[in-house]
Structure formats: C-alpha cells, structure tokens
Amino acid sequence: MNTRVNILQTQPEAYKALMGIEKYIASTSLDPVHKELIKIRASQINGCAFCINMHTKDARKMGMTEQRIYLLNAWKEVHGLYTEEERAILAMTEEITLIQNHLSDATYNKAVELFDENYVAQIILMIATINTWNRIAIATEMQPS
C-alpha cells in the first residue's frame, strides 16, 4: 500500500483551522453523547473506518452502552433505545451527510421544536465538521489503530 499525503504535515495551517472548529464545538453546549452519536453515525454513512474506530472508543469511554453503539446504524428500527432528541439529531446527521436529498423541512422543524436555535446551529456545525474529517481520513487512507 502506498502512503498518501499527510494533511497535518503538508498543510499545518489548514489542520490548525479545522482544530479551531473542534475547539469551538468543544466549548458549546452540545451534549457529549449527542456529539458522539453524530460522529459515529456520519462516519458509518461515509464508511470512514478510522473515525468509526476512534469515536466508538470515545463513546465507550464516556459510558455509552455496546447496544447503543452496535444498533446505531439501525436507529430508525429500534424503539426506546434512543431518545426523541437523539432521533432528531440522527435524522439531521443522515440528511446533512447525504446532502443530495437536503435537510428536509420535517426534520429541521422537529429539531427546532426540540432544541433552541443555538443548539440546532451547533448540531449542524458538528455534522459538517465530522464530514470534513471523514473525507480527509478516507482520501488519505488513514487506518484505525
């Protein structure tokens, strides 16, 4: 296997800018469980092995159960395991990650019903950020450790 470009080494200022977004998101009111659900689900959709591995480990460390992690890719079929708020966040994550279908009015309106405008904006930023990291990891063939 050929080694691909290392973004951190070749584009340190860009990497620093992305880390600035990460630091900002860390300072927001986004619930840590919500962040990990977004990161894992977007990474599953994108097929990013590096990020799935990293964020499922992080979720376990914060106490997320194996069942919630294992069933995340089938969250729509599982009743009672994910809260109404988590289900709204997962719907947003899927629609924004699979952007060709756009974020539907129904999904957006449900989020606005459950969360304030600032929290909705933070959810969108988190989804956009993990999608950026997924694309970097996939394009550069980063491997799980």
Protein backbone atom coordinates (compact mmCIF):
# COMPACT_ATOMS: atom_id res chain seq x y z
CA MET A 1 0.00 0.00 0.00
CA ASN A 2 1.27 3.45 -0.91
CA THR A 3 1.47 6.13 1.73
CA ARG A 4 -0.77 9.07 0.95
CA VAL A 5 -0.32 12.72 1.81
CA ASN A 6 -0.35 13.67 5.49
CA ILE A 7 -2.53 16.77 5.81
CA LEU A 8 -1.11 17.69 9.23
CA GLN A 9 2.43 17.70 7.85
CA THR A 10 1.78 19.28 4.44
CA GLN A 11 -0.98 21.74 5.38
CA PRO A 12 -0.47 22.59 9.05
CA GLU A 13 -2.41 25.89 8.85
CA ALA A 14 -5.45 24.15 7.38
CA TYR A 15 -5.23 21.47 10.05
CA LYS A 16 -4.94 24.17 12.69
CA ALA A 17 -8.08 25.86 11.30
CA LEU A 18 -10.02 22.57 11.50
CA MET A 19 -8.82 22.06 15.05
CA GLY A 20 -10.08 25.59 15.80
CA ILE A 21 -13.57 24.46 14.79
CA GLU A 22 -13.15 21.38 17.01
CA LYS A 23 -12.15 23.59 19.94
CA TYR A 24 -15.13 25.84 19.33
CA ILE A 25 -17.52 22.86 19.23
CA ALA A 26 -15.98 21.57 22.47
CA SER A 27 -16.88 24.90 24.09
CA THR A 28 -20.54 24.78 23.06
CA SER A 29 -23.49 23.43 24.99
CA LEU A 30 -23.72 20.33 22.76
CA ASP A 31 -24.19 17.28 24.95
CA PRO A 32 -21.14 14.95 24.71
CA VAL A 33 -23.41 11.98 23.90
CA HIS A 34 -25.02 13.95 21.08
CA LYS A 35 -21.58 14.76 19.68
CA GLU A 36 -20.51 11.11 19.67
CA LEU A 37 -23.76 9.94 18.12
CA ILE A 38 -23.25 12.45 15.30
CA LYS A 39 -19.61 11.48 14.83
CA ILE A 40 -20.29 7.74 14.77
CA ARG A 41 -23.36 7.88 12.53
CA ALA A 42 -21.81 10.22 9.94
CA SER A 43 -18.67 8.07 9.92
CA GLN A 44 -20.77 4.94 9.37
CA ILE A 45 -22.57 6.54 6.44
CA ASN A 46 -19.28 7.71 4.92
CA GLY A 47 -17.54 4.39 5.53
CA CYS A 48 -14.70 6.01 7.47
CA ALA A 49 -13.08 3.13 9.36
CA PHE A 50 -10.57 5.41 11.10
CA CYS A 51 -13.31 7.68 12.52
CA ILE A 52 -15.72 4.83 13.38
CA ASN A 53 -12.94 3.19 15.35
CA MET A 54 -11.95 6.41 17.13
CA HIS A 55 -15.44 7.58 18.02
CA THR A 56 -16.82 4.23 19.15
CA LYS A 57 -13.85 4.01 21.54
CA ASP A 58 -14.62 7.55 22.75
CA ALA A 59 -18.30 6.65 23.20
CA ARG A 60 -17.41 3.59 25.29
CA LYS A 61 -15.10 5.70 27.48
CA MET A 62 -17.96 8.09 28.19
CA GLY A 63 -20.21 5.20 29.18
CA MET A 64 -22.28 4.62 26.06
CA THR A 65 -23.51 1.02 26.03
CA GLU A 66 -22.40 -1.51 23.46
CA GLN A 67 -26.03 -1.97 22.45
CA ARG A 68 -26.46 1.73 21.60
CA ILE A 69 -23.24 1.69 19.60
CA TYR A 70 -24.00 -1.57 17.74
CA LEU A 71 -27.55 -0.58 16.84
CA LEU A 72 -26.77 2.97 15.78
CA ASN A 73 -26.85 2.17 12.07
CA ALA A 74 -30.39 0.77 12.58
CA TRP A 75 -31.66 3.50 14.92
CA LYS A 76 -34.88 4.00 12.93
CA GLU A 77 -35.94 0.42 13.60
CA VAL A 78 -35.11 0.44 17.32
CA HIS A 79 -37.73 1.78 19.73
CA GLY A 80 -36.90 3.05 23.19
CA LEU A 81 -33.11 2.88 22.88
CA TYR A 82 -32.61 6.43 21.57
CA THR A 83 -34.43 9.46 22.96
CA GLU A 84 -36.65 11.68 20.83
CA GLU A 85 -33.87 14.29 20.86
CA GLU A 86 -31.26 11.74 19.77
CA ARG A 87 -33.53 10.50 16.99
CA ALA A 88 -33.94 14.07 15.71
CA ILE A 89 -30.16 14.54 15.77
CA LEU A 90 -29.59 11.24 13.96
CA ALA A 91 -32.14 12.20 11.29
CA MET A 92 -30.34 15.52 10.80
CA THR A 93 -26.99 13.74 10.64
CA GLU A 94 -28.19 11.39 7.92
CA GLU A 95 -29.86 14.09 5.83
CA ILE A 96 -26.94 16.51 6.03
CA THR A 97 -24.35 13.80 5.40
CA LEU A 98 -26.36 12.53 2.41
CA ILE A 99 -26.82 16.13 1.27
CA GLN A 100 -28.12 15.32 -2.22
CA ASN A 101 -31.52 14.87 -0.58
CA HIS A 102 -31.13 18.04 1.53
CA LEU A 103 -32.18 18.59 5.13
CA SER A 104 -35.95 18.17 4.95
CA ASP A 105 -38.34 20.71 6.42
CA ALA A 106 -39.86 17.95 8.56
CA THR A 107 -36.51 17.01 10.10
CA TYR A 108 -35.44 20.63 10.56
CA ASN A 109 -38.79 21.60 12.11
CA LYS A 110 -38.63 18.64 14.52
CA ALA A 111 -35.16 19.77 15.64
CA VAL A 112 -36.35 23.35 16.15
CA GLU A 113 -39.27 22.01 18.19
CA LEU A 114 -36.89 20.07 20.47
CA PHE A 115 -33.91 22.43 20.65
CA ASP A 116 -33.29 26.15 20.62
CA GLU A 117 -31.81 27.87 17.57
CA ASN A 118 -28.27 27.91 19.02
CA TYR A 119 -28.32 24.17 19.69
CA VAL A 120 -29.61 23.46 16.17
CA ALA A 121 -26.78 25.57 14.75
CA GLN A 122 -24.26 23.67 16.90
CA ILE A 123 -25.66 20.33 15.69
CA ILE A 124 -25.25 21.46 12.07
CA LEU A 125 -21.66 22.60 12.74
CA MET A 126 -20.82 19.27 14.39
CA ILE A 127 -22.25 17.32 11.43
CA ALA A 128 -20.37 19.45 8.91
CA THR A 129 -17.12 19.10 10.87
CA ILE A 130 -17.18 15.31 11.19
CA ASN A 131 -17.98 15.04 7.50
CA THR A 132 -14.86 17.10 6.75
CA TRP A 133 -12.73 14.84 8.98
CA ASN A 134 -14.27 11.73 7.35
CA ARG A 135 -13.38 12.95 3.89
CA ILE A 136 -9.80 13.74 4.91
CA ALA A 137 -9.36 10.36 6.59
CA ILE A 138 -10.85 8.46 3.65
CA ALA A 139 -8.94 10.41 0.99
CA THR A 140 -5.64 9.93 2.78
CA GLU A 141 -6.40 6.29 3.72
CA MET A 142 -5.91 6.80 7.46
CA GLN A 143 -6.06 3.44 9.20
CA PRO A 144 -7.64 2.53 12.55
CA SER A 145 -5.19 1.85 15.33
